[in-house]
Amino acid sequence: MSRITHPHITGDPAICGGSAIIAGTRFPVRSVVIYILQHGLTPEELVADFPHLTLAQIHDALAYYYDNREEIDRDIAENMEEAVRRPPSQ
């Protein structure tokens, strides 16, 4: 099975720890998922709040999430405030 391409999504180890981000920004896919699927914003509201993003980028980020749900859910869990504040296991 070939990997599905998402032209608006990229990853860079130097940005957001290598998490999937919207290309040309530092905006992680996980943030799109949180704002839209967990907080109930519409894609249009998200673009109004973050005018440097486009609807195409938001929709591609959501498509990326649905194609890579386990990866993004793990990224969300690892970047929740509680997880970030927790000291590393010894």
PDB file of N, CA and C in Angstrom:
ATOM      1  N   MET A   1       0.846  -1.178   0.000  1.00  0.00           N
ATOM      2  CA  MET A   1       0.000   0.000   0.000  1.00  0.00           C
ATOM      3  C   MET A   1       0.891   1.241   0.000  1.00  0.00           C
ATOM      4  N   SER A   2       0.625   2.172  -0.889  1.00  0.00           N
ATOM      5  CA  SER A   2       1.447   3.381  -0.962  1.00  0.00           C
ATOM      6  C   SER A   2       0.998   4.390   0.086  1.00  0.00           C
ATOM      7  N   ARG A   3       1.945   5.184   0.516  1.00  0.00           N
ATOM      8  CA  ARG A   3       1.672   6.210   1.534  1.00  0.00           C
ATOM      9  C   ARG A   3       0.907   7.359   0.889  1.00  0.00           C
ATOM     10  N   ILE A   4      -0.109   7.834   1.571  1.00  0.00           N
ATOM     11  CA  ILE A   4      -0.905   8.949   1.081  1.00  0.00           C
ATOM     12  C   ILE A   4      -0.131  10.235   1.326  1.00  0.00           C
ATOM     13  N   THR A   5      -0.080  11.088   0.319  1.00  0.00           N
ATOM     14  CA  THR A   5       0.642  12.348   0.463  1.00  0.00           C
ATOM     15  C   THR A   5      -0.305  13.452   0.917  1.00  0.00           C
ATOM     16  N   HIS A   6       0.242  14.339   1.699  1.00  0.00           N
ATOM     17  CA  HIS A   6      -0.487  15.501   2.197  1.00  0.00           C
ATOM     18  C   HIS A   6       0.389  16.714   1.923  1.00  0.00           C
ATOM     19  N   PRO A   7       0.067  17.473   0.868  1.00  0.00           N
ATOM     20  CA  PRO A   7       0.952  18.551   0.433  1.00  0.00           C
ATOM     21  C   PRO A   7       1.137  19.684   1.438  1.00  0.00           C
ATOM     22  N   HIS A   8       0.223  19.828   2.373  1.00  0.00           N
ATOM     23  CA  HIS A   8       0.333  20.921   3.336  1.00  0.00           C
ATOM     24  C   HIS A   8       0.954  20.494   4.663  1.00  0.00           C
ATOM     25  N   ILE A   9       1.360  19.230   4.775  1.00  0.00           N
ATOM     26  CA  ILE A   9       1.874  18.702   6.038  1.00  0.00           C
ATOM     27  C   ILE A   9       3.322  18.271   5.865  1.00  0.00           C
ATOM     28  N   THR A  10       4.134  18.589   6.861  1.00  0.00           N
ATOM     29  CA  THR A  10       5.541  18.213   6.840  1.00  0.00           C
ATOM     30  C   THR A  10       5.997  17.923   8.272  1.00  0.00           C
ATOM     31  N   GLY A  11       7.215  17.534   8.396  1.00  0.00           N
ATOM     32  CA  GLY A  11       7.818  17.329   9.711  1.00  0.00           C
ATOM     33  C   GLY A  11       9.275  17.725   9.647  1.00  0.00           C
ATOM     34  N   ASP A  12       9.768  18.293  10.725  1.00  0.00           N
ATOM     35  CA  ASP A  12      11.153  18.729  10.797  1.00  0.00           C
ATOM     36  C   ASP A  12      11.605  18.519  12.238  1.00  0.00           C
ATOM     37  N   PRO A  13      12.642  17.720  12.454  1.00  0.00           N
ATOM     38  CA  PRO A  13      13.090  17.469  13.830  1.00  0.00           C
ATOM     39  C   PRO A  13      13.405  18.749  14.620  1.00  0.00           C
ATOM     40  N   ALA A  14      13.704  19.839  13.928  1.00  0.00           N
ATOM     41  CA  ALA A  14      14.031  21.093  14.598  1.00  0.00           C
ATOM     42  C   ALA A  14      12.797  21.920  14.958  1.00  0.00           C
ATOM     43  N   ILE A  15      11.624  21.495  14.502  1.00  0.00           N
ATOM     44  CA  ILE A  15      10.388  22.237  14.771  1.00  0.00           C
ATOM     45  C   ILE A  15       9.405  21.322  15.480  1.00  0.00           C
ATOM     46  N   CYS A  16       8.938  21.740  16.631  1.00  0.00           N
ATOM     47  CA  CYS A  16       7.936  20.983  17.410  1.00  0.00           C
ATOM     48  C   CYS A  16       8.372  19.539  17.636  1.00  0.00           C
ATOM     49  N   GLY A  17       9.663  19.327  17.825  1.00  0.00           N
ATOM     50  CA  GLY A  17      10.166  17.992  18.112  1.00  0.00           C
ATOM     51  C   GLY A  17       9.956  16.982  17.007  1.00  0.00           C
ATOM     52  N   GLY A  18       9.748  17.451  15.795  1.00  0.00           N
ATOM     53  CA  GLY A  18       9.546  16.544  14.672  1.00  0.00           C
ATOM     54  C   GLY A  18       8.098  16.144  14.447  1.00  0.00           C
ATOM     55  N   SER A  19       7.186  16.689  15.246  1.00  0.00           N
ATOM     56  CA  SER A  19       5.762  16.404  15.057  1.00  0.00           C
ATOM     57  C   SER A  19       5.293  16.906  13.704  1.00  0.00           C
ATOM     58  N   ALA A  20       4.230  16.308  13.197  1.00  0.00           N
ATOM     59  CA  ALA A  20       3.633  16.756  11.942  1.00  0.00           C
ATOM     60  C   ALA A  20       3.128  18.191  12.123  1.00  0.00           C
ATOM     61  N   ILE A  21       3.531  19.059  11.180  1.00  0.00           N
ATOM     62  CA  ILE A  21       3.125  20.465  11.224  1.00  0.00           C
ATOM     63  C   ILE A  21       2.590  20.886   9.868  1.00  0.00           C
ATOM     64  N   ILE A  22       1.889  22.011   9.855  1.00  0.00           N
ATOM     65  CA  ILE A  22       1.463  22.607   8.592  1.00  0.00           C
ATOM     66  C   ILE A  22       2.698  23.238   7.964  1.00  0.00           C
ATOM     67  N   ALA A  23       2.985  22.851   6.736  1.00  0.00           N
ATOM     68  CA  ALA A  23       4.189  23.299   6.026  1.00  0.00           C
ATOM     69  C   ALA A  23       4.278  24.828   6.018  1.00  0.00           C
ATOM     70  N   GLY A  24       5.480  25.325   6.262  1.00  0.00           N
ATOM     71  CA  GLY A  24       5.728  26.758   6.258  1.00  0.00           C
ATOM     72  C   GLY A  24       5.319  27.455   7.545  1.00  0.00           C
ATOM     73  N   THR A  25       4.887  26.670   8.539  1.00  0.00           N
ATOM     74  CA  THR A  25       4.480  27.232   9.828  1.00  0.00           C
ATOM     75  C   THR A  25       5.104  26.403  10.943  1.00  0.00           C
ATOM     76  N   ARG A  26       4.804  26.781  12.151  1.00  0.00           N
ATOM     77  CA  ARG A  26       5.181  25.980  13.317  1.00  0.00           C
ATOM     78  C   ARG A  26       3.916  25.433  13.968  1.00  0.00           C
ATOM     79  N   PHE A  27       2.829  25.352  13.208  1.00  0.00           N
ATOM     80  CA  PHE A  27       1.512  24.968  13.720  1.00  0.00           C
ATOM     81  C   PHE A  27       1.341  23.461  13.582  1.00  0.00           C
ATOM     82  N   PRO A  28       1.315  22.727  14.702  1.00  0.00           N
ATOM     83  CA  PRO A  28       1.227  21.271  14.630  1.00  0.00           C
ATOM     84  C   PRO A  28      -0.171  20.771  14.254  1.00  0.00           C
ATOM     85  N   VAL A  29      -0.197  19.649  13.574  1.00  0.00           N
ATOM     86  CA  VAL A  29      -1.461  18.988  13.238  1.00  0.00           C
ATOM     87  C   VAL A  29      -2.242  18.715  14.521  1.00  0.00           C
ATOM     88  N   ARG A  30      -1.545  18.346  15.595  1.00  0.00           N
ATOM     89  CA  ARG A  30      -2.238  18.047  16.855  1.00  0.00           C
ATOM     90  C   ARG A  30      -3.059  19.237  17.323  1.00  0.00           C
ATOM     91  N   SER A  31      -2.584  20.461  17.087  1.00  0.00           N
ATOM     92  CA  SER A  31      -3.332  21.648  17.504  1.00  0.00           C
ATOM     93  C   SER A  31      -4.609  21.807  16.689  1.00  0.00           C
ATOM     94  N   VAL A  32      -4.540  21.514  15.399  1.00  0.00           N
ATOM     95  CA  VAL A  32      -5.749  21.551  14.565  1.00  0.00           C
ATOM     96  C   VAL A  32      -6.764  20.565  15.120  1.00  0.00           C
ATOM     97  N   VAL A  33      -6.318  19.366  15.425  1.00  0.00           N
ATOM     98  CA  VAL A  33      -7.207  18.324  15.952  1.00  0.00           C
ATOM     99  C   VAL A  33      -7.823  18.769  17.274  1.00  0.00           C
ATOM    100  N   ILE A  34      -7.024  19.324  18.156  1.00  0.00           N
ATOM    101  CA  ILE A  34      -7.531  19.765  19.461  1.00  0.00           C
ATOM    102  C   ILE A  34      -8.560  20.875  19.295  1.00  0.00           C
ATOM    103  N   TYR A  35      -8.236  21.893  18.512  1.00  0.00           N
ATOM    104  CA  TYR A  35      -9.165  23.012  18.327  1.00  0.00           C
ATOM    105  C   TYR A  35     -10.480  22.568  17.684  1.00  0.00           C
ATOM    106  N   ILE A  36     -10.396  21.728  16.665  1.00  0.00           N
ATOM    107  CA  ILE A  36     -11.598  21.383  15.909  1.00  0.00           C
ATOM    108  C   ILE A  36     -12.346  20.203  16.510  1.00  0.00           C
ATOM    109  N   LEU A  37     -11.664  19.106  16.767  1.00  0.00           N
ATOM    110  CA  LEU A  37     -12.360  17.899  17.212  1.00  0.00           C
ATOM    111  C   LEU A  37     -12.607  17.857  18.714  1.00  0.00           C
ATOM    112  N   GLN A  38     -11.778  18.531  19.500  1.00  0.00           N
ATOM    113  CA  GLN A  38     -11.982  18.501  20.946  1.00  0.00           C
ATOM    114  C   GLN A  38     -12.681  19.753  21.472  1.00  0.00           C
ATOM    115  N   HIS A  39     -12.378  20.914  20.889  1.00  0.00           N
ATOM    116  CA  HIS A  39     -12.987  22.158  21.371  1.00  0.00           C
ATOM    117  C   HIS A  39     -14.167  22.612  20.522  1.00  0.00           C
ATOM    118  N   GLY A  40     -14.377  21.990  19.376  1.00  0.00           N
ATOM    119  CA  GLY A  40     -15.561  22.267  18.574  1.00  0.00           C
ATOM    120  C   GLY A  40     -15.508  23.469  17.652  1.00  0.00           C
ATOM    121  N   LEU A  41     -14.329  24.029  17.416  1.00  0.00           N
ATOM    122  CA  LEU A  41     -14.234  25.116  16.445  1.00  0.00           C
ATOM    123  C   LEU A  41     -14.464  24.561  15.047  1.00  0.00           C
ATOM    124  N   THR A  42     -14.954  25.388  14.156  1.00  0.00           N
ATOM    125  CA  THR A  42     -15.047  25.005  12.755  1.00  0.00           C
ATOM    126  C   THR A  42     -13.728  25.364  12.079  1.00  0.00           C
ATOM    127  N   PRO A  43     -13.439  24.772  10.931  1.00  0.00           N
ATOM    128  CA  PRO A  43     -12.230  25.174  10.206  1.00  0.00           C
ATOM    129  C   PRO A  43     -12.214  26.678   9.908  1.00  0.00           C
ATOM    130  N   GLU A  44     -13.374  27.232   9.591  1.00  0.00           N
ATOM    131  CA  GLU A  44     -13.453  28.666   9.303  1.00  0.00           C
ATOM    132  C   GLU A  44     -13.119  29.503  10.541  1.00  0.00           C
ATOM    133  N   GLU A  45     -13.577  29.076  11.711  1.00  0.00           N
ATOM    134  CA  GLU A  45     -13.245  29.792  12.946  1.00  0.00           C
ATOM    135  C   GLU A  45     -11.756  29.705  13.248  1.00  0.00           C
ATOM    136  N   LEU A  46     -11.163  28.549  12.972  1.00  0.00           N
ATOM    137  CA  LEU A  46      -9.732  28.392  13.212  1.00  0.00           C
ATOM    138  C   LEU A  46      -8.922  29.322  12.316  1.00  0.00           C
ATOM    139  N   VAL A  47      -9.334  29.437  11.050  1.00  0.00           N
ATOM    140  CA  VAL A  47      -8.650  30.347  10.125  1.00  0.00           C
ATOM    141  C   VAL A  47      -8.841  31.798  10.573  1.00  0.00           C
ATOM    142  N   ALA A  48     -10.010  32.126  11.089  1.00  0.00           N
ATOM    143  CA  ALA A  48     -10.236  33.490  11.583  1.00  0.00           C
ATOM    144  C   ALA A  48      -9.334  33.784  12.777  1.00  0.00           C
ATOM    145  N   ASP A  49      -9.126  32.787  13.644  1.00  0.00           N
ATOM    146  CA  ASP A  49      -8.261  32.962  14.816  1.00  0.00           C
ATOM    147  C   ASP A  49      -6.775  32.944  14.459  1.00  0.00           C
ATOM    148  N   PHE A  50      -6.436  32.223  13.398  1.00  0.00           N
ATOM    149  CA  PHE A  50      -5.040  32.094  12.955  1.00  0.00           C
ATOM    150  C   PHE A  50      -4.983  32.419  11.459  1.00  0.00           C
ATOM    151  N   PRO A  51      -5.033  33.708  11.108  1.00  0.00           N
ATOM    152  CA  PRO A  51      -5.159  34.105   9.703  1.00  0.00           C
ATOM    153  C   PRO A  51      -3.980  33.733   8.811  1.00  0.00           C
ATOM    154  N   HIS A  52      -2.870  33.286   9.383  1.00  0.00           N
ATOM    155  CA  HIS A  52      -1.753  32.834   8.546  1.00  0.00           C
ATOM    156  C   HIS A  52      -2.013  31.431   7.989  1.00  0.00           C
ATOM    157  N   LEU A  53      -3.089  30.775   8.449  1.00  0.00           N
ATOM    158  CA  LEU A  53      -3.469  29.453   7.945  1.00  0.00           C
ATOM    159  C   LEU A  53      -4.567  29.592   6.910  1.00  0.00           C
ATOM    160  N   THR A  54      -4.660  28.592   6.017  1.00  0.00           N
ATOM    161  CA  THR A  54      -5.724  28.584   5.013  1.00  0.00           C
ATOM    162  C   THR A  54      -6.659  27.406   5.272  1.00  0.00           C
ATOM    163  N   LEU A  55      -7.849  27.488   4.700  1.00  0.00           N
ATOM    164  CA  LEU A  55      -8.780  26.367   4.830  1.00  0.00           C
ATOM    165  C   LEU A  55      -8.200  25.092   4.234  1.00  0.00           C
ATOM    166  N   ALA A  56      -7.486  25.213   3.129  1.00  0.00           N
ATOM    167  CA  ALA A  56      -6.865  24.030   2.518  1.00  0.00           C
ATOM    168  C   ALA A  56      -5.887  23.376   3.489  1.00  0.00           C
ATOM    169  N   GLN A  57      -5.093  24.184   4.180  1.00  0.00           N
ATOM    170  CA  GLN A  57      -4.140  23.636   5.159  1.00  0.00           C
ATOM    171  C   GLN A  57      -4.866  22.942   6.309  1.00  0.00           C
ATOM    172  N   ILE A  58      -5.928  23.557   6.799  1.00  0.00           N
ATOM    173  CA  ILE A  58      -6.691  22.976   7.910  1.00  0.00           C
ATOM    174  C   ILE A  58      -7.313  21.654   7.485  1.00  0.00           C
ATOM    175  N   HIS A  59      -7.925  21.626   6.331  1.00  0.00           N
ATOM    176  CA  HIS A  59      -8.561  20.392   5.862  1.00  0.00           C
ATOM    177  C   HIS A  59      -7.530  19.306   5.584  1.00  0.00           C
ATOM    178  N   ASP A  60      -6.366  19.684   5.083  1.00  0.00           N
ATOM    179  CA  ASP A  60      -5.313  18.686   4.861  1.00  0.00           C
ATOM    180  C   ASP A  60      -4.792  18.161   6.201  1.00  0.00           C
ATOM    181  N   ALA A  61      -4.706  19.025   7.206  1.00  0.00           N
ATOM    182  CA  ALA A  61      -4.280  18.580   8.537  1.00  0.00           C
ATOM    183  C   ALA A  61      -5.282  17.577   9.106  1.00  0.00           C
ATOM    184  N   LEU A  62      -6.568  17.835   8.916  1.00  0.00           N
ATOM    185  CA  LEU A  62      -7.585  16.882   9.384  1.00  0.00           C
ATOM    186  C   LEU A  62      -7.504  15.564   8.609  1.00  0.00           C
ATOM    187  N   ALA A  63      -7.290  15.648   7.299  1.00  0.00           N
ATOM    188  CA  ALA A  63      -7.141  14.433   6.498  1.00  0.00           C
ATOM    189  C   ALA A  63      -5.911  13.653   6.958  1.00  0.00           C
ATOM    190  N   TYR A  64      -4.823  14.372   7.242  1.00  0.00           N
ATOM    191  CA  TYR A  64      -3.615  13.720   7.742  1.00  0.00           C
ATOM    192  C   TYR A  64      -3.919  12.999   9.054  1.00  0.00           C
ATOM    193  N   TYR A  65      -4.666  13.645   9.926  1.00  0.00           N
ATOM    194  CA  TYR A  65      -5.037  13.016  11.197  1.00  0.00           C
ATOM    195  C   TYR A  65      -5.798  11.719  10.956  1.00  0.00           C
ATOM    196  N   TYR A  66      -6.790  11.753  10.091  1.00  0.00           N
ATOM    197  CA  TYR A  66      -7.583  10.546   9.854  1.00  0.00           C
ATOM    198  C   TYR A  66      -6.764   9.441   9.188  1.00  0.00           C
ATOM    199  N   ASP A  67      -5.748   9.810   8.424  1.00  0.00           N
ATOM    200  CA  ASP A  67      -4.869   8.813   7.804  1.00  0.00           C
ATOM    201  C   ASP A  67      -3.792   8.313   8.766  1.00  0.00           C
ATOM    202  N   ASN A  68      -3.538   9.059   9.841  1.00  0.00           N
ATOM    203  CA  ASN A  68      -2.447   8.746  10.783  1.00  0.00           C
ATOM    204  C   ASN A  68      -2.910   8.934  12.223  1.00  0.00           C
ATOM    205  N   ARG A  69      -4.091   8.454  12.523  1.00  0.00           N
ATOM    206  CA  ARG A  69      -4.731   8.717  13.811  1.00  0.00           C
ATOM    207  C   ARG A  69      -3.863   8.293  15.001  1.00  0.00           C
ATOM    208  N   GLU A  70      -3.276   7.114  14.953  1.00  0.00           N
ATOM    209  CA  GLU A  70      -2.464   6.644  16.089  1.00  0.00           C
ATOM    210  C   GLU A  70      -1.290   7.582  16.357  1.00  0.00           C
ATOM    211  N   GLU A  71      -0.613   7.999  15.306  1.00  0.00           N
ATOM    212  CA  GLU A  71       0.538   8.907  15.449  1.00  0.00           C
ATOM    213  C   GLU A  71       0.123  10.225  16.102  1.00  0.00           C
ATOM    214  N   ILE A  72      -0.954  10.821  15.624  1.00  0.00           N
ATOM    215  CA  ILE A  72      -1.368  12.130  16.136  1.00  0.00           C
ATOM    216  C   ILE A  72      -1.961  12.001  17.536  1.00  0.00           C
ATOM    217  N   ASP A  73      -2.727  10.949  17.799  1.00  0.00           N
ATOM    218  CA  ASP A  73      -3.245  10.749  19.157  1.00  0.00           C
ATOM    219  C   ASP A  73      -2.102  10.584  20.159  1.00  0.00           C
ATOM    220  N   ARG A  74      -1.058   9.876  19.763  1.00  0.00           N
ATOM    221  CA  ARG A  74       0.120   9.711  20.617  1.00  0.00           C
ATOM    222  C   ARG A  74       0.801  11.076  20.820  1.00  0.00           C
ATOM    223  N   ASP A  75       0.900  11.853  19.750  1.00  0.00           N
ATOM    224  CA  ASP A  75       1.511  13.184  19.821  1.00  0.00           C
ATOM    225  C   ASP A  75       0.712  14.085  20.768  1.00  0.00           C
ATOM    226  N   ILE A  76      -0.604  14.012  20.708  1.00  0.00           N
ATOM    227  CA  ILE A  76      -1.446  14.801  21.614  1.00  0.00           C
ATOM    228  C   ILE A  76      -1.191  14.374  23.052  1.00  0.00           C
ATOM    229  N   ALA A  77      -1.199  13.074  23.302  1.00  0.00           N
ATOM    230  CA  ALA A  77      -0.999  12.562  24.666  1.00  0.00           C
ATOM    231  C   ALA A  77       0.369  12.968  25.214  1.00  0.00           C
ATOM    232  N   GLU A  78       1.400  12.909  24.377  1.00  0.00           N
ATOM    233  CA  GLU A  78       2.752  13.242  24.819  1.00  0.00           C
ATOM    234  C   GLU A  78       2.945  14.733  25.050  1.00  0.00           C
ATOM    235  N   ASN A  79       2.074  15.543  24.494  1.00  0.00           N
ATOM    236  CA  ASN A  79       2.237  16.991  24.601  1.00  0.00           C
ATOM    237  C   ASN A  79       1.165  17.661  25.451  1.00  0.00           C
ATOM    238  N   MET A  80       0.370  16.861  26.140  1.00  0.00           N
ATOM    239  CA  MET A  80      -0.587  17.437  27.083  1.00  0.00           C
ATOM    240  C   MET A  80       0.203  18.068  28.220  1.00  0.00           C
ATOM    241  N   GLU A  81      -0.337  19.087  28.816  1.00  0.00           N
ATOM    242  CA  GLU A  81       0.378  19.814  29.870  1.00  0.00           C
ATOM    243  C   GLU A  81       0.847  18.891  30.982  1.00  0.00           C
ATOM    244  N   GLU A  82       0.005  17.942  31.388  1.00  0.00           N
ATOM    245  CA  GLU A  82       0.382  17.029  32.461  1.00  0.00           C
ATOM    246  C   GLU A  82       1.589  16.176  32.056  1.00  0.00           C
ATOM    247  N   ALA A  83       1.610  15.706  30.822  1.00  0.00           N
ATOM    248  CA  ALA A  83       2.707  14.856  30.350  1.00  0.00           C
ATOM    249  C   ALA A  83       4.001  15.664  30.236  1.00  0.00           C
ATOM    250  N   VAL A  84       3.890  16.897  29.818  1.00  0.00           N
ATOM    251  CA  VAL A  84       5.077  17.731  29.649  1.00  0.00           C
ATOM    252  C   VAL A  84       5.668  18.081  31.015  1.00  0.00           C
ATOM    253  N   ARG A  85       4.826  18.297  32.003  1.00  0.00           N
ATOM    254  CA  ARG A  85       5.313  18.665  33.343  1.00  0.00           C
ATOM    255  C   ARG A  85       5.827  17.480  34.127  1.00  0.00           C
ATOM    256  N   ARG A  86       5.412  16.262  33.774  1.00  0.00           N
ATOM    257  CA  ARG A  86       5.792  15.056  34.524  1.00  0.00           C
ATOM    258  C   ARG A  86       7.294  14.834  34.406  1.00  0.00           C
ATOM    259  N   PRO A  87       7.974  14.599  35.531  1.00  0.00           N
ATOM    260  CA  PRO A  87       9.413  14.307  35.455  1.00  0.00           C
ATOM    261  C   PRO A  87       9.641  12.967  34.767  1.00  0.00           C
ATOM    262  N   PRO A  88      10.755  12.827  34.065  1.00  0.00           N
ATOM    263  CA  PRO A  88      11.029  11.551  33.390  1.00  0.00           C
ATOM    264  C   PRO A  88      11.142  10.399  34.381  1.00  0.00           C
ATOM    265  N   SER A  89      10.745   9.209  33.937  1.00  0.00           N
ATOM    266  CA  SER A  89      10.851   8.011  34.774  1.00  0.00           C
ATOM    267  C   SER A  89      12.314   7.683  35.001  1.00  0.00           C
ATOM    268  N   GLN A  90      12.591   7.152  36.172  1.00  0.00           N
ATOM    269  CA  GLN A  90      13.979   6.805  36.469  1.00  0.00           C
ATOM    270  C   GLN A  90      14.166   5.330  36.476  1.00  0.00           C
TER     271      GLN A  90
END
